[in-house]
C-alpha atoms as a PDB file:
ATOM      1  CA  MET A   1       0.435  -0.627-187.303  1.00  0.00           C
ATOM      2  CA  ASN A   2      -0.178  -1.208-183.657  1.00  0.00           C
ATOM      3  CA  THR A   3      -1.454   2.063-181.948  1.00  0.00           C
ATOM      4  CA  ARG A   4      -2.849   0.560-178.866  1.00  0.00           C
ATOM      5  CA  ARG A   5      -2.060   2.197-175.647  1.00  0.00           C
ATOM      6  CA  PRO A   6      -0.316   0.125-172.807  1.00  0.00           C
ATOM      7  CA  GLY A   7      -2.801  -1.640-170.538  1.00  0.00           C
ATOM      8  CA  PHE A   8      -3.401  -0.967-167.115  1.00  0.00           C
ATOM      9  CA  MET A   9      -1.257  -3.962-165.826  1.00  0.00           C
ATOM     10  CA  THR A  10       1.586  -3.040-168.204  1.00  0.00           C
ATOM     11  CA  VAL A  11       1.692   0.468-166.602  1.00  0.00           C
ATOM     12  CA  VAL A  12       1.649  -1.001-163.099  1.00  0.00           C
ATOM     13  CA  SER A  13       4.524  -3.338-164.014  1.00  0.00           C
ATOM     14  CA  LEU A  14       6.611  -0.434-165.259  1.00  0.00           C
ATOM     15  CA  LEU A  15       5.979   1.657-162.273  1.00  0.00           C
ATOM     16  CA  LEU A  16       6.685  -1.421-160.048  1.00  0.00           C
ATOM     17  CA  LEU A  17      10.106  -1.794-161.829  1.00  0.00           C
ATOM     18  CA  ALA A  18      10.994   1.676-161.548  1.00  0.00           C
ATOM     19  CA  THR A  19      10.033   1.929-157.866  1.00  0.00           C
ATOM     20  CA  ARG A  20      12.345  -1.112-157.249  1.00  0.00           C
ATOM     21  CA  ALA A  21      15.079   0.362-159.210  1.00  0.00           C
ATOM     22  CA  ALA A  22      14.952   3.567-157.249  1.00  0.00           C
ATOM     23  CA  LEU A  23      14.735   1.726-153.946  1.00  0.00           C
ATOM     24  CA  ALA A  24      17.840  -0.660-154.990  1.00  0.00           C
ATOM     25  CA  ALA A  25      19.831   2.461-155.922  1.00  0.00           C
ATOM     26  CA  GLN A  26      18.939   4.194-152.566  1.00  0.00           C
ATOM     27  CA  ALA A  27      19.948   1.030-150.650  1.00  0.00           C
ATOM     28  CA  ALA A  28      23.246   0.718-152.485  1.00  0.00           C
ATOM     29  CA  GLN A  29      23.753   4.468-151.737  1.00  0.00           C
ATOM     30  CA  ALA A  30      23.095   3.991-148.051  1.00  0.00           C
ATOM     31  CA  ARG A  31      25.022   0.613-147.684  1.00  0.00           C
ATOM     32  CA  LEU A  32      27.061   0.589-144.611  1.00  0.00           C
ATOM     33  CA  PRO A  33      30.603  -0.204-145.348  1.00  0.00           C
ATOM     34  CA  THR A  34      32.118  -3.424-144.317  1.00  0.00           C
ATOM     35  CA  VAL A  35      35.061  -3.220-141.947  1.00  0.00           C
ATOM     36  CA  LEU A  36      37.022  -6.170-140.582  1.00  0.00           C
ATOM     37  CA  ILE A  37      38.355  -5.950-137.201  1.00  0.00           C
ATOM     38  CA  LEU A  38      41.537  -7.937-136.859  1.00  0.00           C
ATOM     39  CA  ALA A  39      42.432  -8.554-133.030  1.00  0.00           C
ATOM     40  CA  THR A  40      46.006  -9.026-131.763  1.00  0.00           C
ATOM     41  CA  GLY A  41      45.545  -8.576-128.019  1.00  0.00           C
ATOM     42  CA  GLY A  42      46.979  -5.670-125.999  1.00  0.00           C
ATOM     43  CA  THR A  43      45.565  -3.427-123.299  1.00  0.00           C
ATOM     44  CA  ILE A  44      42.377  -2.652-125.461  1.00  0.00           C
ATOM     45  CA  ALA A  45      41.638  -6.399-124.708  1.00  0.00           C
ATOM     46  CA  GLY A  46      42.965  -6.353-121.050  1.00  0.00           C
ATOM     47  CA  THR A  47      41.238  -6.814-117.901  1.00  0.00           C
ATOM     48  CA  GLY A  48      42.010  -5.668-114.320  1.00  0.00           C
ATOM     49  CA  THR A  49      40.953  -6.987-110.799  1.00  0.00           C
ATOM     50  CA  THR A  50      39.001  -3.728-110.081  1.00  0.00           C
ATOM     51  CA  SER A  51      37.495  -0.916-111.905  1.00  0.00           C
ATOM     52  CA  THR A  52      40.409   1.370-110.796  1.00  0.00           C
ATOM     53  CA  THR A  53      43.086  -1.055-111.843  1.00  0.00           C
ATOM     54  CA  THR A  54      45.072   0.924-114.660  1.00  0.00           C
ATOM     55  CA  VAL A  55      48.508  -0.588-113.867  1.00  0.00           C
ATOM     56  CA  GLY A  56      49.279  -4.424-113.422  1.00  0.00           C
ATOM     57  CA  TYR A  57      46.500  -5.652-115.181  1.00  0.00           C
ATOM     58  CA  ALA A  58      46.227  -8.545-117.446  1.00  0.00           C
ATOM     59  CA  VAL A  59      46.475  -8.011-121.073  1.00  0.00           C
ATOM     60  CA  ALA A  60      45.084  -9.828-124.049  1.00  0.00           C
ATOM     61  CA  THR A  61      42.362 -11.662-122.095  1.00  0.00           C
ATOM     62  CA  VAL A  62      39.109 -10.526-123.949  1.00  0.00           C
ATOM     63  CA  GLY A  63      38.339 -11.897-127.491  1.00  0.00           C
ATOM     64  CA  VAL A  64      37.532 -10.004-130.620  1.00  0.00           C
ATOM     65  CA  GLN A  65      33.745 -10.757-130.411  1.00  0.00           C
ATOM     66  CA  ALA A  66      33.428  -9.522-126.826  1.00  0.00           C
ATOM     67  CA  LEU A  67      35.223  -6.245-127.961  1.00  0.00           C
ATOM     68  CA  ILE A  68      32.764  -5.916-130.731  1.00  0.00           C
ATOM     69  CA  ASP A  69      29.778  -6.674-128.507  1.00  0.00           C
ATOM     70  CA  ALA A  70      30.803  -4.049-125.873  1.00  0.00           C
ATOM     71  CA  VAL A  71      30.269  -1.345-128.552  1.00  0.00           C
ATOM     72  CA  PRO A  72      26.835  -2.050-130.068  1.00  0.00           C
ATOM     73  CA  GLU A  73      26.866   1.357-131.337  1.00  0.00           C
ATOM     74  CA  LEU A  74      29.299  -0.022-134.198  1.00  0.00           C
ATOM     75  CA  ARG A  75      26.284  -1.706-135.951  1.00  0.00           C
ATOM     76  CA  SER A  76      24.812   1.826-136.848  1.00  0.00           C
ATOM     77  CA  ILE A  77      28.115   2.727-138.836  1.00  0.00           C
ATOM     78  CA  ALA A  78      29.396  -0.374-140.226  1.00  0.00           C
ATOM     79  CA  THR A  79      28.891  -4.016-141.098  1.00  0.00           C
ATOM     80  CA  VAL A  80      31.471  -5.479-138.706  1.00  0.00           C
ATOM     81  CA  ARG A  81      33.189  -8.844-138.632  1.00  0.00           C
ATOM     82  CA  GLY A  82      35.950 -10.007-136.360  1.00  0.00           C
ATOM     83  CA  GLU A  83      38.852 -12.228-136.474  1.00  0.00           C
ATOM     84  CA  GLN A  84      41.351 -13.248-133.722  1.00  0.00           C
ATOM     85  CA  VAL A  85      44.826 -13.185-135.389  1.00  0.00           C
ATOM     86  CA  PHE A  86      46.829 -13.123-132.166  1.00  0.00           C
ATOM     87  CA  GLN A  87      46.191 -12.638-128.565  1.00  0.00           C
ATOM     88  CA  ILE A  88      49.484 -11.281-127.227  1.00  0.00           C
ATOM     89  CA  ALA A  89      50.971  -8.444-125.332  1.00  0.00           C
ATOM     90  CA  SER A  90      52.478  -6.415-128.006  1.00  0.00           C
ATOM     91  CA  GLU A  91      56.037  -6.408-126.429  1.00  0.00           C
ATOM     92  CA  ASN A  92      55.933 -10.097-127.692  1.00  0.00           C
ATOM     93  CA  MET A  93      55.417  -9.210-131.245  1.00  0.00           C
ATOM     94  CA  THR A  94      57.851 -10.593-133.550  1.00  0.00           C
ATOM     95  CA  CYS A  95      58.708 -10.270-137.273  1.00  0.00           C
ATOM     96  CA  ASP A  96      56.890 -13.609-137.868  1.00  0.00           C
ATOM     97  CA  HIS A  97      53.686 -11.947-136.423  1.00  0.00           C
ATOM     98  CA  TRP A  98      54.282  -8.934-138.742  1.00  0.00           C
ATOM     99  CA  LEU A  99      54.567 -11.134-141.915  1.00  0.00           C
ATOM    100  CA  LYS A 100      51.412 -13.344-141.003  1.00  0.00           C
ATOM    101  CA  LEU A 101      49.459 -10.009-140.196  1.00  0.00           C
ATOM    102  CA  ALA A 102      50.503  -8.274-143.370  1.00  0.00           C
ATOM    103  CA  ARG A 103      49.609 -11.252-145.623  1.00  0.00           C
ATOM    104  CA  ARG A 104      46.208 -11.568-144.077  1.00  0.00           C
ATOM    105  CA  VAL A 105      45.538  -7.857-144.328  1.00  0.00           C
ATOM    106  CA  ASN A 106      46.464  -8.108-148.139  1.00  0.00           C
ATOM    107  CA  GLU A 107      44.351 -11.256-148.529  1.00  0.00           C
ATOM    108  CA  LEU A 108      41.228  -9.457-146.850  1.00  0.00           C
ATOM    109  CA  LEU A 109      41.453  -6.189-148.778  1.00  0.00           C
ATOM    110  CA  ALA A 110      41.710  -8.008-152.212  1.00  0.00           C
ATOM    111  CA  GLN A 111      38.082  -9.007-151.368  1.00  0.00           C
ATOM    112  CA  ASP A 112      35.617  -6.653-153.187  1.00  0.00           C
ATOM    113  CA  GLU A 113      33.057  -6.548-150.252  1.00  0.00           C
ATOM    114  CA  VAL A 114      35.771  -5.405-147.673  1.00  0.00           C
ATOM    115  CA  ASP A 115      36.035  -1.556-147.529  1.00  0.00           C
ATOM    116  CA  GLY A 116      38.334  -1.369-144.622  1.00  0.00           C
ATOM    117  CA  ILE A 117      40.084  -3.183-141.930  1.00  0.00           C
ATOM    118  CA  VAL A 118      40.893  -2.094-138.151  1.00  0.00           C
ATOM    119  CA  ILE A 119      43.651  -3.865-136.214  1.00  0.00           C
ATOM    120  CA  THR A 120      43.354  -3.699-132.386  1.00  0.00           C
ATOM    121  CA  HIS A 121      47.026  -3.935-130.880  1.00  0.00           C
ATOM    122  CA  GLY A 122      48.835  -3.309-127.631  1.00  0.00           C
ATOM    123  CA  THR A 123      50.590   0.278-127.463  1.00  0.00           C
ATOM    124  CA  ASP A 124      53.987  -0.685-126.759  1.00  0.00           C
ATOM    125  CA  THR A 125      54.824  -1.556-130.516  1.00  0.00           C
ATOM    126  CA  LEU A 126      51.985  -0.460-132.254  1.00  0.00           C
ATOM    127  CA  GLU A 127      53.683   2.274-134.178  1.00  0.00           C
ATOM    128  CA  GLU A 128      56.146  -0.491-135.560  1.00  0.00           C
ATOM    129  CA  THR A 129      53.492  -2.630-136.526  1.00  0.00           C
ATOM    130  CA  ALA A 130      51.621   0.345-138.308  1.00  0.00           C
ATOM    131  CA  TYR A 131      54.942   1.234-140.259  1.00  0.00           C
ATOM    132  CA  LEU A 132      55.630  -2.260-141.446  1.00  0.00           C
ATOM    133  CA  LEU A 133      52.102  -2.376-142.657  1.00  0.00           C
ATOM    134  CA  ASN A 134      52.492   1.038-144.220  1.00  0.00           C
ATOM    135  CA  LEU A 135      55.224  -0.366-146.358  1.00  0.00           C
ATOM    136  CA  THR A 136      53.833  -3.780-147.310  1.00  0.00           C
ATOM    137  CA  VAL A 137      49.882  -3.353-147.698  1.00  0.00           C
ATOM    138  CA  LYS A 138      49.168  -3.310-151.295  1.00  0.00           C
ATOM    139  CA  SER A 139      45.821  -1.501-151.246  1.00  0.00           C
ATOM    140  CA  ALA A 140      44.408   1.965-150.803  1.00  0.00           C
ATOM    141  CA  LYS A 141      41.603   1.033-148.547  1.00  0.00           C
ATOM    142  CA  PRO A 142      41.966   2.264-144.999  1.00  0.00           C
ATOM    143  CA  VAL A 143      43.925   0.300-142.497  1.00  0.00           C
ATOM    144  CA  VAL A 144      43.635   1.422-139.052  1.00  0.00           C
ATOM    145  CA  LEU A 145      45.422   0.613-135.893  1.00  0.00           C
ATOM    146  CA  VAL A 146      43.910   1.267-132.437  1.00  0.00           C
ATOM    147  CA  GLY A 147      44.654   0.487-128.833  1.00  0.00           C
ATOM    148  CA  ALA A 148      43.875   1.870-125.513  1.00  0.00           C
ATOM    149  CA  MET A 149      45.865   3.000-122.354  1.00  0.00           C
ATOM    150  CA  ARG A 150      43.248   1.545-119.892  1.00  0.00           C
ATOM    151  CA  PRO A 151      41.983  -2.072-119.633  1.00  0.00           C
ATOM    152  CA  SER A 152      38.372  -2.698-120.690  1.00  0.00           C
ATOM    153  CA  THR A 153      37.204  -3.064-117.008  1.00  0.00           C
ATOM    154  CA  ALA A 154      38.495   0.284-115.962  1.00  0.00           C
ATOM    155  CA  LEU A 155      36.350   3.401-115.182  1.00  0.00           C
ATOM    156  CA  SER A 156      36.348   5.613-118.464  1.00  0.00           C
ATOM    157  CA  ALA A 157      38.102   2.865-120.376  1.00  0.00           C
ATOM    158  CA  ASP A 158      39.268   4.515-123.476  1.00  0.00           C
ATOM    159  CA  GLY A 159      38.991   1.393-125.703  1.00  0.00           C
ATOM    160  CA  PRO A 160      35.380   1.419-126.744  1.00  0.00           C
ATOM    161  CA  MET A 161      35.437   5.109-127.928  1.00  0.00           C
ATOM    162  CA  ASN A 162      38.807   4.469-129.556  1.00  0.00           C
ATOM    163  CA  LEU A 163      37.509   1.174-131.359  1.00  0.00           C
ATOM    164  CA  TYR A 164      34.056   3.287-132.508  1.00  0.00           C
ATOM    165  CA  ASN A 165      36.324   5.898-134.088  1.00  0.00           C
ATOM    166  CA  ALA A 166      38.558   3.447-135.702  1.00  0.00           C
ATOM    167  CA  VAL A 167      35.838   1.488-137.317  1.00  0.00           C
ATOM    168  CA  SER A 168      34.189   4.833-138.558  1.00  0.00           C
ATOM    169  CA  LEU A 169      37.654   5.858-140.132  1.00  0.00           C
ATOM    170  CA  ALA A 170      38.355   2.619-141.819  1.00  0.00           C
ATOM    171  CA  GLY A 171      34.705   2.933-143.363  1.00  0.00           C
ATOM    172  CA  ASN A 172      35.150   6.303-144.525  1.00  0.00           C
ATOM    173  CA  ARG A 173      35.907   7.378-148.062  1.00  0.00           C
ATOM    174  CA  GLU A 174      38.074  10.298-146.734  1.00  0.00           C
ATOM    175  CA  ALA A 175      40.549   7.785-145.409  1.00  0.00           C
ATOM    176  CA  VAL A 176      41.254   5.948-148.773  1.00  0.00           C
ATOM    177  CA  GLY A 177      44.633   6.308-150.039  1.00  0.00           C
ATOM    178  CA  ARG A 178      46.106   8.054-146.837  1.00  0.00           C
ATOM    179  CA  GLY A 179      48.456   4.943-145.988  1.00  0.00           C
ATOM    180  CA  VAL A 180      48.036   3.066-142.849  1.00  0.00           C
ATOM    181  CA  LEU A 181      46.626   5.396-139.828  1.00  0.00           C
ATOM    182  CA  VAL A 182      46.675   5.274-136.068  1.00  0.00           C
ATOM    183  CA  CYS A 183      43.599   6.377-134.452  1.00  0.00           C
ATOM    184  CA  MET A 184      43.477   6.962-130.865  1.00  0.00           C
ATOM    185  CA  ASN A 185      41.982   9.712-128.395  1.00  0.00           C
ATOM    186  CA  ASP A 186      40.357  11.424-131.184  1.00  0.00           C
ATOM    187  CA  GLN A 187      43.457  11.786-133.137  1.00  0.00           C
ATOM    188  CA  ILE A 188      44.392  10.638-136.572  1.00  0.00           C
ATOM    189  CA  ASN A 189      48.237  10.041-137.168  1.00  0.00           C
ATOM    190  CA  GLY A 190      50.061   8.651-139.982  1.00  0.00           C
ATOM    191  CA  ALA A 191      51.944   5.331-139.637  1.00  0.00           C
ATOM    192  CA  ARG A 192      55.326   6.863-140.613  1.00  0.00           C
ATOM    193  CA  ASP A 193      55.482   9.719-138.180  1.00  0.00           C
ATOM    194  CA  VAL A 194      53.445   8.632-135.092  1.00  0.00           C
ATOM    195  CA  THR A 195      55.191   7.459-131.858  1.00  0.00           C
ATOM    196  CA  LYS A 196      54.202   6.658-128.255  1.00  0.00           C
ATOM    197  CA  THR A 197      55.275   9.651-126.082  1.00  0.00           C
ATOM    198  CA  ASN A 198      54.226   8.752-122.619  1.00  0.00           C
ATOM    199  CA  THR A 199      54.041   5.734-120.684  1.00  0.00           C
ATOM    200  CA  SER A 200      50.387   6.149-119.203  1.00  0.00           C
ATOM    201  CA  ASP A 201      48.753   9.244-120.782  1.00  0.00           C
ATOM    202  CA  LEU A 202      45.664   8.721-122.955  1.00  0.00           C
ATOM    203  CA  ASP A 203      47.233  11.003-125.532  1.00  0.00           C
ATOM    204  CA  THR A 204      50.450   9.190-125.730  1.00  0.00           C
ATOM    205  CA  PHE A 205      50.461   8.649-129.513  1.00  0.00           C
ATOM    206  CA  ARG A 206      51.821  11.988-131.265  1.00  0.00           C
ATOM    207  CA  SER A 207      53.617  12.768-134.339  1.00  0.00           C
ATOM    208  CA  ARG A 208      56.001  15.232-132.684  1.00  0.00           C
ATOM    209  CA  GLU A 209      57.820  16.464-135.858  1.00  0.00           C
ATOM    210  CA  LEU A 210      55.099  17.098-138.129  1.00  0.00           C
ATOM    211  CA  GLY A 211      51.697  16.679-136.465  1.00  0.00           C
ATOM    212  CA  ALA A 212      48.689  14.692-136.768  1.00  0.00           C
ATOM    213  CA  LEU A 213      47.059  14.398-140.109  1.00  0.00           C
ATOM    214  CA  GLY A 214      43.596  15.157-138.408  1.00  0.00           C
ATOM    215  CA  SER A 215      40.996  14.236-135.819  1.00  0.00           C
ATOM    216  CA  MET A 216      37.708  12.698-135.329  1.00  0.00           C
ATOM    217  CA  ARG A 217      34.718  14.949-134.576  1.00  0.00           C
ATOM    218  CA  ALA A 218      31.439  13.384-133.819  1.00  0.00           C
ATOM    219  CA  GLY A 219      32.518  10.131-135.005  1.00  0.00           C
ATOM    220  CA  LYS A 220      33.724  11.579-138.519  1.00  0.00           C
ATOM    221  CA  PRO A 221      37.315  12.172-139.762  1.00  0.00           C
ATOM    222  CA  VAL A 222      38.557  15.691-140.656  1.00  0.00           C
ATOM    223  CA  PHE A 223      41.817  15.745-142.285  1.00  0.00           C
ATOM    224  CA  TYR A 224      44.266  18.652-142.592  1.00  0.00           C
ATOM    225  CA  ARG A 225      47.268  17.174-144.224  1.00  0.00           C
ATOM    226  CA  THR A 226      48.598  13.958-145.757  1.00  0.00           C
ATOM    227  CA  SER A 227      51.973  12.308-146.008  1.00  0.00           C
ATOM    228  CA  THR A 228      53.983  12.753-149.092  1.00  0.00           C
ATOM    229  CA  ARG A 229      56.262   9.697-148.459  1.00  0.00           C
ATOM    230  CA  ARG A 230      55.861   6.544-150.562  1.00  0.00           C
ATOM    231  CA  HIS A 231      53.545   3.900-148.891  1.00  0.00           C
ATOM    232  CA  THR A 232      50.962   1.176-149.617  1.00  0.00           C
ATOM    233  CA  THR A 233      50.269   0.981-153.315  1.00  0.00           C
ATOM    234  CA  HIS A 234      53.218   3.146-154.096  1.00  0.00           C
ATOM    235  CA  SER A 235      55.609   0.929-151.967  1.00  0.00           C
ATOM    236  CA  GLU A 236      58.227  -1.392-153.688  1.00  0.00           C
ATOM    237  CA  PHE A 237      58.274  -3.718-151.038  1.00  0.00           C
ATOM    238  CA  GLU A 238      56.652  -7.368-151.448  1.00  0.00           C
ATOM    239  CA  ILE A 239      56.652  -9.662-148.440  1.00  0.00           C
ATOM    240  CA  ARG A 240      54.289 -12.312-150.264  1.00  0.00           C
ATOM    241  CA  ASP A 241      57.201 -14.777-150.659  1.00  0.00           C
ATOM    242  CA  VAL A 242      59.358 -13.514-147.727  1.00  0.00           C
ATOM    243  CA  LYS A 243      59.853 -16.452-145.335  1.00  0.00           C
ATOM    244  CA  GLU A 244      61.568 -14.244-142.680  1.00  0.00           C
ATOM    245  CA  LEU A 245      62.676 -10.630-142.309  1.00  0.00           C
ATOM    246  CA  PRO A 246      66.668 -10.076-142.109  1.00  0.00           C
ATOM    247  CA  ARG A 247      67.767  -9.595-138.706  1.00  0.00           C
ATOM    248  CA  VAL A 248      68.586  -6.070-137.870  1.00  0.00           C
ATOM    249  CA  GLY A 249      69.747  -4.772-134.423  1.00  0.00           C
ATOM    250  CA  ILE A 250      69.506  -1.275-132.771  1.00  0.00           C
ATOM    251  CA  VAL A 251      72.455   0.050-130.840  1.00  0.00           C
ATOM    252  CA  TYR A 252      71.584   2.956-128.246  1.00  0.00           C
ATOM    253  CA  ALA A 253      74.253   5.485-127.669  1.00  0.00           C
ATOM    254  CA  TYR A 254      74.957   7.274-124.391  1.00  0.00           C
ATOM    255  CA  ALA A 255      78.134   8.685-122.593  1.00  0.00           C
ATOM    256  CA  ASP A 256      81.029   6.116-122.565  1.00  0.00           C
ATOM    257  CA  TYR A 257      78.792   3.269-124.280  1.00  0.00           C
ATOM    258  CA  GLY A 258      81.789   1.816-125.951  1.00  0.00           C
ATOM    259  CA  SER A 259      81.737  -0.993-128.761  1.00  0.00           C
ATOM    260  CA  VAL A 260      80.348  -4.133-126.817  1.00  0.00           C
ATOM    261  CA  ALA A 261      76.833  -4.202-128.190  1.00  0.00           C
ATOM    262  CA  ILE A 262      78.103  -3.426-131.862  1.00  0.00           C
ATOM    263  CA  GLU A 263      80.739  -6.265-131.502  1.00  0.00           C
ATOM    264  CA  ALA A 264      77.998  -8.552-130.161  1.00  0.00           C
ATOM    265  CA  PHE A 265      75.653  -7.958-133.008  1.00  0.00           C
ATOM    266  CA  THR A 266      78.286  -8.101-135.530  1.00  0.00           C
ATOM    267  CA  ALA A 267      79.355 -11.715-133.915  1.00  0.00           C
ATOM    268  CA  GLY A 268      75.759 -12.560-133.968  1.00  0.00           C
ATOM    269  CA  GLY A 269      74.762 -12.517-137.528  1.00  0.00           C
ATOM    270  CA  MET A 270      73.083  -9.418-137.956  1.00  0.00           C
ATOM    271  CA  ARG A 271      72.383  -8.300-141.413  1.00  0.00           C
ATOM    272  CA  GLY A 272      71.997  -4.616-140.405  1.00  0.00           C
ATOM    273  CA  ILE A 273      72.713  -2.155-137.478  1.00  0.00           C
ATOM    274  CA  VAL A 274      70.708   0.846-136.581  1.00  0.00           C
ATOM    275  CA  HIS A 275      72.881   3.193-134.542  1.00  0.00           C
ATOM    276  CA  ALA A 276      70.684   5.278-132.324  1.00  0.00           C
ATOM    277  CA  GLY A 277      73.218   8.039-131.927  1.00  0.00           C
ATOM    278  CA  VAL A 278      73.170  11.127-129.527  1.00  0.00           C
ATOM    279  CA  GLY A 279      72.253  14.631-131.087  1.00  0.00           C
ATOM    280  CA  ASN A 280      72.565  14.574-134.780  1.00  0.00           C
ATOM    281  CA  GLY A 281      73.298  10.900-134.939  1.00  0.00           C
ATOM    282  CA  SER A 282      76.822  11.304-133.480  1.00  0.00           C
ATOM    283  CA  VAL A 283      79.033   8.167-132.969  1.00  0.00           C
ATOM    284  CA  SER A 284      81.728   7.949-130.425  1.00  0.00           C
ATOM    285  CA  LEU A 285      85.268   7.052-131.589  1.00  0.00           C
ATOM    286  CA  ASP A 286      85.093   3.443-130.215  1.00  0.00           C
ATOM    287  CA  ALA A 287      81.580   2.910-131.672  1.00  0.00           C
ATOM    288  CA  ARG A 288      82.881   4.198-135.002  1.00  0.00           C
ATOM    289  CA  SER A 289      85.617   1.891-135.301  1.00  0.00           C
ATOM    290  CA  ALA A 290      83.317  -0.992-134.425  1.00  0.00           C
ATOM    291  CA  LEU A 291      80.573   0.060-136.964  1.00  0.00           C
ATOM    292  CA  VAL A 292      83.331   0.488-139.663  1.00  0.00           C
ATOM    293  CA  ALA A 293      84.401  -3.268-138.797  1.00  0.00           C
ATOM    294  CA  ALA A 294      80.841  -4.281-139.175  1.00  0.00           C
ATOM    295  CA  ARG A 295      80.500  -2.574-142.548  1.00  0.00           C
ATOM    296  CA  VAL A 296      83.600  -4.381-143.684  1.00  0.00           C
ATOM    297  CA  LYS A 297      81.979  -7.679-143.036  1.00  0.00           C
ATOM    298  CA  GLY A 298      79.018  -6.741-145.231  1.00  0.00           C
ATOM    299  CA  ILE A 299      76.640  -5.465-142.344  1.00  0.00           C
ATOM    300  CA  VAL A 300      74.920  -2.481-143.499  1.00  0.00           C
ATOM    301  CA  VAL A 301      74.973   0.375-140.947  1.00  0.00           C
ATOM    302  CA  VAL A 302      72.258   3.117-140.542  1.00  0.00           C
ATOM    303  CA  ARG A 303      72.763   6.300-138.474  1.00  0.00           C
ATOM    304  CA  SER A 304      69.690   7.608-136.602  1.00  0.00           C
ATOM    305  CA  SER A 305      69.120   9.562-133.553  1.00  0.00           C
ATOM    306  CA  ARG A 306      67.791   8.976-129.989  1.00  0.00           C
ATOM    307  CA  VAL A 307      66.496  12.505-129.931  1.00  0.00           C
ATOM    308  CA  GLY A 308      63.120  11.669-131.039  1.00  0.00           C
ATOM    309  CA  SER A 309      62.765  14.270-133.521  1.00  0.00           C
ATOM    310  CA  GLY A 310      64.582  15.948-136.473  1.00  0.00           C
ATOM    311  CA  ALA A 311      66.480  14.557-139.307  1.00  0.00           C
ATOM    312  CA  VAL A 312      70.034  13.088-139.240  1.00  0.00           C
ATOM    313  CA  ALA A 313      72.414  15.102-141.716  1.00  0.00           C
ATOM    314  CA  ARG A 314      74.229  12.817-144.202  1.00  0.00           C
ATOM    315  CA  ASN A 315      78.023  13.518-143.871  1.00  0.00           C
ATOM    316  CA  GLY A 316      77.139  15.719-140.964  1.00  0.00           C
ATOM    317  CA  GLU A 317      78.663  14.507-137.582  1.00  0.00           C
ATOM    318  CA  VAL A 318      80.204  11.586-139.553  1.00  0.00           C
ATOM    319  CA  ASN A 319      81.659  11.196-143.043  1.00  0.00           C
ATOM    320  CA  ASP A 320      79.148   8.728-144.233  1.00  0.00           C
ATOM    321  CA  ASP A 321      80.352   8.624-147.682  1.00  0.00           C
ATOM    322  CA  ALA A 322      83.830   7.591-146.359  1.00  0.00           C
ATOM    323  CA  PHE A 323      82.428   4.847-144.379  1.00  0.00           C
ATOM    324  CA  ASP A 324      79.647   3.607-146.549  1.00  0.00           C
ATOM    325  CA  PHE A 325      76.856   4.320-144.005  1.00  0.00           C
ATOM    326  CA  VAL A 326      73.270   5.131-144.402  1.00  0.00           C
ATOM    327  CA  VAL A 327      71.446   7.661-142.485  1.00  0.00           C
ATOM    328  CA  ALA A 328      67.820   7.325-141.435  1.00  0.00           C
ATOM    329  CA  ASP A 329      66.489  10.939-142.433  1.00  0.00           C
ATOM    330  CA  ASP A 330      63.993  11.494-139.422  1.00  0.00           C
ATOM    331  CA  LEU A 331      62.779   8.014-138.770  1.00  0.00           C
ATOM    332  CA  THR A 332      62.934   6.988-135.042  1.00  0.00           C
ATOM    333  CA  PRO A 333      65.319   3.972-134.581  1.00  0.00           C
ATOM    334  CA  GLN A 334      62.703   1.517-134.267  1.00  0.00           C
ATOM    335  CA  LYS A 335      61.089   2.445-137.548  1.00  0.00           C
ATOM    336  CA  ALA A 336      64.705   2.574-139.226  1.00  0.00           C
ATOM    337  CA  ARG A 337      65.010  -0.942-138.461  1.00  0.00           C
ATOM    338  CA  ILE A 338      61.867  -1.929-140.117  1.00  0.00           C
ATOM    339  CA  LEU A 339      62.676   0.040-143.319  1.00  0.00           C
ATOM    340  CA  LEU A 340      66.276  -1.443-143.218  1.00  0.00           C
ATOM    341  CA  ALA A 341      64.965  -4.925-142.694  1.00  0.00           C
ATOM    342  CA  LEU A 342      62.585  -4.661-145.764  1.00  0.00           C
ATOM    343  CA  ALA A 343      65.329  -2.836-147.740  1.00  0.00           C
ATOM    344  CA  LEU A 344      67.721  -5.899-147.185  1.00  0.00           C
ATOM    345  CA  THR A 345      64.844  -8.217-148.787  1.00  0.00           C
ATOM    346  CA  LYS A 346      65.734  -6.497-152.028  1.00  0.00           C
ATOM    347  CA  THR A 347      69.417  -5.167-152.017  1.00  0.00           C
ATOM    348  CA  THR A 348      72.619  -4.809-149.963  1.00  0.00           C
ATOM    349  CA  ASP A 349      73.601  -1.595-152.145  1.00  0.00           C
ATOM    350  CA  THR A 350      73.952   1.139-149.685  1.00  0.00           C
ATOM    351  CA  ARG A 351      73.259   3.764-152.468  1.00  0.00           C
ATOM    352  CA  GLU A 352      69.981   1.961-153.273  1.00  0.00           C
ATOM    353  CA  ILE A 353      69.136   1.916-149.424  1.00  0.00           C
ATOM    354  CA  GLN A 354      69.882   5.418-148.892  1.00  0.00           C
ATOM    355  CA  ARG A 355      67.374   6.253-151.805  1.00  0.00           C
ATOM    356  CA  MET A 356      64.800   4.167-149.895  1.00  0.00           C
ATOM    357  CA  PHE A 357      65.394   6.046-146.648  1.00  0.00           C
ATOM    358  CA  ASN A 358      64.976   9.424-148.566  1.00  0.00           C
ATOM    359  CA  GLN A 359      61.679   8.288-150.280  1.00  0.00           C
ATOM    360  CA  TYR A 360      59.883   6.391-147.334  1.00  0.00           C
END
């Protein structure tokens, strides 16, 4: 039986191994999250002729690496890499852009080393892109959209701090599983509920009906609520093999608006029409006749409201059961259009589509 004590070198080796293991554990625990920034253009990447130019500036002129380099503080909160997906003003965003972006986000989030994604975006259609991604991203990892109301060259440009907060949020475990988020002006809003409410104010993005999910404090997220509607990993929508989204148009109601726009959409090959009605989604007699005719031709009709908040009551102002219409709940017309387009990739059954509007 060998009863010799371990030699000095053996003890030293064991201590070195233990020390290395402890340091490796500490390094793993302290590892910065990996956040990818996908740039699409917009005001956050815009430049003006002077430092006081906040109107009439050129959008989408600054590349993603320049955006990252302008905020060196990012290195202290995340390992950041950038990718220029598009370089456009967001009013030029199309369904083809959406499909390409959604596929790229899903590809990147499937990589184990990626902890979250930030998407820089123009503010005009930012809420629409966020909602499309909310319904098509197949990961619980954070996806955060961010923009700016002032170009990068302006005094007190809001882009750099917005980007810093967005990266911090995308790399934070507290943001996991909360759906696609919008982070601007220190506020955290959910993609489903948020909308642009002012043409130029820095606090333009708000969730008027239900309020923000939380806020950023000293660069860290503080959440107060979460969305109960289906999104991301619980969404039934799959765009991997979708070549194009079905065409859906929006008709805006107003006094004496008639039926011309509805008839044009019907003749133009739309698969769906979202009617942005007055009040509780009300439809004029002329418009109702045109919408019924559109439905007879197989076009799915969704009643929403131009008001901006509040749910449209089914069989309230209109007998939806009789006309085989769908109601949008409290989705804005522009978001109802997105949900209807995705719904039409799966079914034309209005009962099923109404279920989707009730759940998403």
